[in-house]
Amino acid sequence: ETNSEQKSETKADIKTDANESVADEKSNCLVPAETEIIPTDINKEYISEEIKAKKSKKKLIISLSIIGAIILVIGGISLYNVIRFNNHVHDFDSWETKVEATCTTSGTRSHTCKICHITVEETVPPLEHIWVPASCEKESYCELCGKKEGSPLGHEFSEATCTTPETCYRCGLTRGSALGHNYVDYVCTRCGDVNITADDVPNILDITSNKYKINSANGIDKWMTFKNKSSSKTIKYIHVTCEFYNAVGDVIANEIGGDKSVTLTFTGPLEPGQTSQETYWKACFYNGTFSGTMDIPKLVIEYTDDTTLVLDDYLGNEAVVAWRD
């Protein structure tokens, strides 16, 4: 009885004292006095909800952590780019024209940095006119915009000649036709052109004698006689250019001076149809290897009317009567 009474007193003390612990008869565990004892089936549901709430909280924390990490990464990249972009040298791509400039209006163009992608735009000033000079038939104009100024210059023609029609000095335009030659005694009265063939030479001049002798000093003494075959013109001078050959057919050089030809001059007057006296040139050329063969590569006849006939390209050979076929 005494033990029972003590236990009853002890239980009574526990229940009545709010500041003391309350014993759980089933678990023999002590819980705080203010704790509400929940039945077993209700406790399981409560615990499940609590676990779900903890899991949701954990997921939220993880999500917030990931978002925070992303924000930190983006912020770091942005900060890095700010630092990088603020310290780099721009590497711009090519200019892109937005608005074409004209001769009278401005244009715009832009280009973009390949690193930071900043775009710079600038104004292109108006272009200057590029003037094409006026021509005979067109006024001056700008090759960019087509603006015109002034008037065409007009043609300025030269006179026609024997071989060319009237020709504009500036643009080369021609009109009409060439005059053609007007030959009188083998010479064009307009331009002085000489038109002589080998068949014409016997009607102009004869060299009736053509002799030589080599003197003791290896000098060549030369004699020639001329006949004026013109029917109307008096000869003033005859200039005969001679070449001399050695035994193997090579042109020889003058031992005095080294020239390979010599020009002998006959002085007139020699009237139409008249034959001259034999003309003599002493030691006109020095070379002991002269074989006796010579050529006349050029022969010039000056007349008293100030006209001249030139027989070049060895046409002078045709004047030597003895050499004609």
Protein backbone atom coordinates (compact mmCIF):
# COMPACT_ATOMS: atom_id res chain seq x y z
CA GLU A 1 0.00 0.00 0.00
CA THR A 2 2.69 2.36 0.82
CA ASN A 3 4.30 1.82 -2.65
CA SER A 4 0.95 2.31 -4.38
CA GLU A 5 0.35 5.47 -2.54
CA GLN A 6 3.79 6.75 -3.46
CA LYS A 7 3.21 5.98 -7.16
CA SER A 8 -0.15 7.69 -7.10
CA GLU A 9 1.36 10.71 -5.47
CA THR A 10 4.12 10.73 -8.02
CA LYS A 11 1.66 10.60 -10.99
CA ALA A 12 -0.45 13.25 -9.39
CA ASP A 13 2.57 15.45 -8.96
CA ILE A 14 3.51 15.02 -12.63
CA LYS A 15 0.05 15.86 -13.97
CA THR A 16 -0.55 18.82 -11.71
CA ASP A 17 2.81 20.53 -12.10
CA ALA A 18 2.90 22.34 -15.47
CA ASN A 19 6.60 23.00 -15.18
CA GLU A 20 7.41 19.30 -14.81
CA SER A 21 7.63 16.60 -17.49
CA VAL A 22 4.67 14.34 -18.29
CA ALA A 23 5.28 10.64 -18.64
CA ASP A 24 4.04 8.81 -21.69
CA GLU A 25 2.64 5.58 -20.42
CA LYS A 26 3.11 3.75 -23.69
CA SER A 27 6.66 4.80 -24.47
CA ASN A 28 7.83 5.64 -20.98
CA CYS A 29 9.33 8.76 -22.64
CA LEU A 30 9.26 12.16 -21.20
CA VAL A 31 8.00 15.01 -23.43
CA PRO A 32 7.63 18.67 -22.68
CA ALA A 33 4.44 19.53 -20.83
CA GLU A 34 3.17 21.78 -23.58
CA THR A 35 3.58 19.06 -26.26
CA GLU A 36 0.30 17.72 -27.61
CA ILE A 37 0.07 13.98 -27.78
CA ILE A 38 -1.25 12.96 -31.22
CA PRO A 39 -2.79 9.58 -31.95
CA THR A 40 -0.71 7.11 -33.96
CA ASP A 41 -2.69 7.18 -37.26
CA ILE A 42 -2.83 10.97 -37.28
CA ASN A 43 0.88 11.14 -36.43
CA LYS A 44 1.87 9.18 -39.57
CA GLU A 45 -0.01 11.62 -41.84
CA TYR A 46 1.52 14.55 -40.03
CA ILE A 47 5.02 13.14 -40.41
CA SER A 48 4.46 12.52 -44.16
CA GLU A 49 3.40 16.10 -44.70
CA GLU A 50 6.37 17.31 -42.76
CA ILE A 51 8.72 15.21 -44.91
CA LYS A 52 7.14 16.59 -48.07
CA ALA A 53 7.56 20.12 -46.75
CA LYS A 54 11.24 19.43 -46.00
CA LYS A 55 11.80 17.99 -49.47
CA SER A 56 10.11 20.99 -51.10
CA LYS A 57 12.22 23.29 -49.01
CA LYS A 58 15.33 21.37 -50.03
CA LYS A 59 14.39 21.58 -53.73
CA LEU A 60 13.74 25.28 -53.33
CA ILE A 61 17.11 25.75 -51.73
CA ILE A 62 18.79 23.75 -54.52
CA SER A 63 16.92 25.73 -57.21
CA LEU A 64 17.83 29.00 -55.58
CA SER A 65 21.43 27.85 -55.35
CA ILE A 66 21.51 26.95 -59.07
CA ILE A 67 19.89 30.25 -60.00
CA GLY A 68 22.37 32.06 -57.81
CA ALA A 69 25.25 30.21 -59.43
CA ILE A 70 23.94 31.09 -62.89
CA ILE A 71 23.58 34.72 -61.85
CA LEU A 72 27.13 34.67 -60.55
CA VAL A 73 28.44 33.11 -63.79
CA ILE A 74 26.55 35.59 -65.97
CA GLY A 75 27.63 38.42 -63.77
CA GLY A 76 31.20 37.22 -63.94
CA ILE A 77 31.08 36.93 -67.71
CA SER A 78 29.50 40.36 -67.96
CA LEU A 79 32.12 41.82 -65.67
CA TYR A 80 34.85 40.07 -67.69
CA ASN A 81 33.42 41.43 -70.93
CA VAL A 82 33.16 44.91 -69.46
CA ILE A 83 36.80 44.76 -68.46
CA ARG A 84 37.83 43.13 -71.75
CA PHE A 85 35.77 45.40 -73.96
CA ASN A 86 36.90 48.49 -72.13
CA ASN A 87 40.55 47.58 -72.70
CA HIS A 88 40.66 46.04 -76.24
CA VAL A 89 41.61 47.58 -79.57
CA HIS A 90 38.63 47.54 -81.90
CA ASP A 91 38.86 45.20 -84.86
CA PHE A 92 36.32 46.61 -87.29
CA ASP A 93 34.97 44.83 -90.32
CA SER A 94 34.71 46.54 -93.70
CA TRP A 95 32.72 49.70 -94.13
CA GLU A 96 29.14 49.16 -95.25
CA THR A 97 27.49 51.97 -97.14
CA LYS A 98 24.10 52.89 -95.78
CA VAL A 99 23.39 55.92 -97.95
CA GLU A 100 25.42 56.66 -101.06
CA ALA A 101 27.00 60.11 -101.19
CA THR A 102 26.43 62.11 -104.36
CA CYS A 103 28.13 65.12 -105.83
CA THR A 104 25.75 67.38 -103.87
CA THR A 105 24.52 65.33 -100.86
CA SER A 106 26.22 63.54 -97.95
CA GLY A 107 26.02 59.80 -97.38
CA THR A 108 26.53 57.50 -94.41
CA ARG A 109 28.49 54.36 -93.75
CA SER A 110 29.11 52.09 -90.76
CA HIS A 111 31.27 49.22 -89.55
CA THR A 112 31.14 46.88 -86.54
CA CYS A 113 33.85 45.72 -84.13
CA LYS A 114 34.32 41.96 -84.38
CA ILE A 115 35.13 41.75 -80.65
CA CYS A 116 32.61 43.92 -78.82
CA HIS A 117 30.11 44.34 -81.67
CA ILE A 118 29.91 48.08 -81.25
CA THR A 119 28.80 49.75 -84.49
CA VAL A 120 30.31 53.06 -85.56
CA GLU A 121 28.52 55.17 -88.15
CA GLU A 122 29.96 58.19 -89.88
CA THR A 123 28.93 60.76 -92.44
CA VAL A 124 30.47 60.62 -95.89
CA PRO A 125 30.88 64.14 -97.28
CA PRO A 126 29.50 65.01 -100.71
CA LEU A 127 31.69 63.88 -103.60
CA GLU A 128 33.43 66.37 -105.81
CA HIS A 129 32.43 66.58 -109.45
CA ILE A 130 34.74 64.72 -111.80
CA TRP A 131 34.65 66.81 -114.94
CA VAL A 132 35.23 65.34 -118.37
CA PRO A 133 36.66 68.05 -120.61
CA ALA A 134 34.53 69.37 -123.41
CA SER A 135 35.08 67.77 -126.81
CA CYS A 136 34.30 68.84 -130.32
CA GLU A 137 30.74 67.56 -130.08
CA LYS A 138 30.03 67.43 -126.31
CA GLU A 139 30.09 70.00 -123.53
CA SER A 140 32.02 69.33 -120.32
CA TYR A 141 30.12 67.02 -117.94
CA CYS A 142 30.52 65.28 -114.56
CA GLU A 143 31.06 61.58 -115.04
CA LEU A 144 29.43 60.88 -111.65
CA CYS A 145 26.19 62.79 -111.80
CA GLY A 146 26.01 63.85 -115.45
CA LYS A 147 25.85 67.57 -114.76
CA LYS A 148 26.83 69.57 -117.86
CA GLU A 149 28.67 72.85 -118.23
CA GLY A 150 29.69 75.05 -121.14
CA SER A 151 29.34 74.18 -124.80
CA PRO A 152 30.98 71.79 -127.29
CA LEU A 153 34.25 73.08 -128.70
CA GLY A 154 33.41 72.39 -132.32
CA HIS A 155 35.71 70.84 -134.90
CA GLU A 156 38.87 72.51 -136.17
CA PHE A 157 39.95 70.97 -139.46
CA SER A 158 43.36 71.01 -141.07
CA GLU A 159 43.64 71.35 -144.82
CA ALA A 160 43.61 68.23 -146.94
CA THR A 161 46.95 66.98 -148.19
CA CYS A 162 48.02 64.65 -150.96
CA THR A 163 47.57 61.64 -148.70
CA THR A 164 45.05 62.71 -146.01
CA PRO A 165 41.62 64.42 -146.09
CA GLU A 166 40.72 67.41 -143.91
CA THR A 167 41.29 66.27 -140.33
CA CYS A 168 40.13 67.74 -137.00
CA TYR A 169 43.13 68.66 -134.86
CA ARG A 170 41.30 67.70 -131.64
CA CYS A 171 39.39 64.51 -132.31
CA GLY A 172 40.81 63.20 -135.58
CA LEU A 173 37.49 63.32 -137.45
CA THR A 174 38.01 63.50 -141.20
CA ARG A 175 35.88 64.91 -143.96
CA GLY A 176 36.26 64.86 -147.71
CA SER A 177 39.12 62.99 -149.30
CA ALA A 178 42.84 63.36 -149.86
CA LEU A 179 43.95 65.61 -152.73
CA GLY A 180 46.29 63.07 -154.32
CA HIS A 181 49.72 63.81 -155.76
CA ASN A 182 50.28 66.06 -158.73
CA TYR A 183 53.55 64.93 -160.25
CA VAL A 184 55.45 67.17 -162.63
CA ASP A 185 58.84 65.86 -163.76
CA TYR A 186 58.57 63.10 -161.11
CA VAL A 187 58.03 65.58 -158.28
CA CYS A 188 54.65 66.34 -156.67
CA THR A 189 53.90 70.05 -156.95
CA ARG A 190 51.96 69.95 -153.66
CA CYS A 191 54.14 68.02 -151.23
CA GLY A 192 57.46 67.51 -153.02
CA ASP A 193 57.17 63.74 -153.04
CA VAL A 194 59.42 62.10 -155.61
CA ASN A 195 58.10 59.20 -157.60
CA ILE A 196 60.84 57.66 -159.70
CA THR A 197 61.27 54.09 -160.89
CA ALA A 198 64.23 52.42 -162.49
CA ASP A 199 62.57 52.87 -165.87
CA ASP A 200 62.36 56.63 -165.30
CA VAL A 201 66.06 57.21 -164.63
CA PRO A 202 67.22 57.09 -168.30
CA ASN A 203 64.81 59.96 -168.97
CA ILE A 204 66.39 62.07 -166.19
CA LEU A 205 70.19 61.67 -166.39
CA ASP A 206 72.93 59.74 -168.14
CA ILE A 207 76.39 59.11 -166.75
CA THR A 208 78.08 58.55 -170.06
CA SER A 209 81.58 57.85 -168.73
CA ASN A 210 82.61 56.38 -165.39
CA LYS A 211 86.37 55.81 -165.10
CA TYR A 212 88.87 55.40 -162.28
CA LYS A 213 92.61 54.95 -161.65
CA ILE A 214 94.52 54.03 -158.51
CA ASN A 215 97.49 56.36 -158.06
CA SER A 216 100.80 55.66 -156.37
CA ALA A 217 99.48 56.68 -152.94
CA ASN A 218 96.60 54.14 -153.14
CA GLY A 219 94.27 57.01 -153.92
CA ILE A 220 91.37 56.55 -156.34
CA ASP A 221 91.20 59.13 -159.11
CA LYS A 222 87.68 59.38 -160.63
CA TRP A 223 86.22 60.72 -163.89
CA MET A 224 82.55 61.12 -164.88
CA THR A 225 80.56 62.72 -167.70
CA PHE A 226 76.86 63.69 -167.33
CA LYS A 227 74.03 64.36 -169.78
CA ASN A 228 70.87 66.22 -168.69
CA LYS A 229 67.97 64.22 -170.14
CA SER A 230 65.28 66.67 -168.94
CA SER A 231 63.49 68.57 -171.66
CA SER A 232 62.77 71.66 -169.55
CA LYS A 233 64.88 71.86 -166.40
CA THR A 234 68.48 73.05 -165.97
CA ILE A 235 70.70 71.12 -163.59
CA LYS A 236 72.48 73.16 -160.92
CA TYR A 237 74.30 70.43 -158.95
CA ILE A 238 74.71 66.65 -159.14
CA HIS A 239 75.79 64.84 -155.95
CA VAL A 240 76.97 61.28 -156.58
CA THR A 241 77.55 59.01 -153.54
CA CYS A 242 79.95 56.16 -154.33
CA GLU A 243 80.75 52.88 -152.56
CA PHE A 244 83.88 50.89 -153.47
CA TYR A 245 84.40 47.12 -153.14
CA ASN A 246 87.42 44.84 -152.71
CA ALA A 247 88.04 41.60 -154.59
CA VAL A 248 85.77 39.53 -152.33
CA GLY A 249 82.79 41.88 -152.68
CA ASP A 250 82.99 43.75 -149.37
CA VAL A 251 82.58 47.52 -149.10
CA ILE A 252 85.93 49.05 -148.20
CA ALA A 253 86.59 51.98 -145.89
CA ASN A 254 88.54 55.11 -146.66
CA GLU A 255 91.99 54.91 -145.08
CA ILE A 256 91.61 58.57 -144.26
CA GLY A 257 88.70 59.01 -141.89
CA GLY A 258 87.29 55.47 -142.14
CA ASP A 259 84.14 56.40 -144.11
CA LYS A 260 82.70 53.66 -146.33
CA SER A 261 81.45 56.02 -149.02
CA VAL A 262 82.33 59.33 -150.63
CA THR A 263 80.09 61.94 -152.29
CA LEU A 264 81.37 63.58 -155.48
CA THR A 265 79.74 66.85 -156.57
CA PHE A 266 79.38 68.16 -160.13
CA THR A 267 78.65 71.87 -160.53
CA GLY A 268 76.52 73.04 -163.48
CA PRO A 269 74.74 74.66 -165.04
CA LEU A 270 73.80 71.83 -167.36
CA GLU A 271 71.04 72.80 -169.73
CA PRO A 272 68.28 70.42 -170.94
CA GLY A 273 69.81 67.88 -173.37
CA GLN A 274 73.37 69.15 -172.73
CA THR A 275 76.35 66.86 -171.99
CA SER A 276 79.04 68.04 -169.61
CA GLN A 277 82.75 67.89 -170.05
CA GLU A 278 84.49 65.06 -168.24
CA THR A 279 84.74 65.92 -164.56
CA TYR A 280 87.78 64.78 -162.58
CA TRP A 281 88.19 64.12 -158.85
CA LYS A 282 91.77 63.43 -157.85
CA ALA A 283 92.37 60.96 -155.00
CA CYS A 284 88.77 61.06 -153.86
CA PHE A 285 89.20 57.86 -151.78
CA TYR A 286 92.19 55.98 -150.32
CA ASN A 287 92.28 52.20 -150.20
CA GLY A 288 94.70 50.04 -152.16
CA THR A 289 92.32 47.01 -152.12
CA PHE A 290 89.80 48.63 -154.48
CA SER A 291 88.92 46.04 -157.13
CA GLY A 292 87.32 48.39 -159.66
CA THR A 293 83.71 47.56 -158.66
CA MET A 294 81.55 50.35 -157.26
CA ASP A 295 77.90 51.28 -156.62
CA ILE A 296 75.93 54.53 -156.50
CA PRO A 297 73.55 54.05 -153.54
CA LYS A 298 72.34 57.66 -153.76
CA LEU A 299 72.26 60.37 -156.42
CA VAL A 300 70.79 63.85 -155.84
CA ILE A 301 70.01 66.31 -158.64
CA GLU A 302 69.35 69.95 -157.78
CA TYR A 303 67.67 72.10 -160.44
CA THR A 304 67.83 75.85 -160.87
CA ASP A 305 64.07 76.09 -160.19
CA ASP A 306 64.81 74.92 -156.60
CA THR A 307 63.37 71.46 -157.14
CA THR A 308 65.33 68.38 -156.22
CA LEU A 309 65.29 64.79 -157.37
CA VAL A 310 66.65 62.11 -155.04
CA LEU A 311 67.54 58.72 -156.51
CA ASP A 312 68.15 56.51 -153.48
CA ASP A 313 68.11 52.78 -152.83
CA TYR A 314 70.78 52.37 -155.53
CA LEU A 315 68.62 53.90 -158.27
CA GLY A 316 71.69 55.97 -159.16
CA ASN A 317 73.17 52.82 -160.70
CA GLU A 318 70.51 53.11 -163.40
CA ALA A 319 72.07 56.45 -164.50
CA VAL A 320 75.34 54.77 -165.57
CA VAL A 321 74.78 53.95 -169.22
CA ALA A 322 77.37 51.17 -169.19
CA TRP A 323 75.56 49.38 -166.37
CA ARG A 324 72.13 49.29 -167.92
CA ASP A 325 70.80 45.98 -169.13
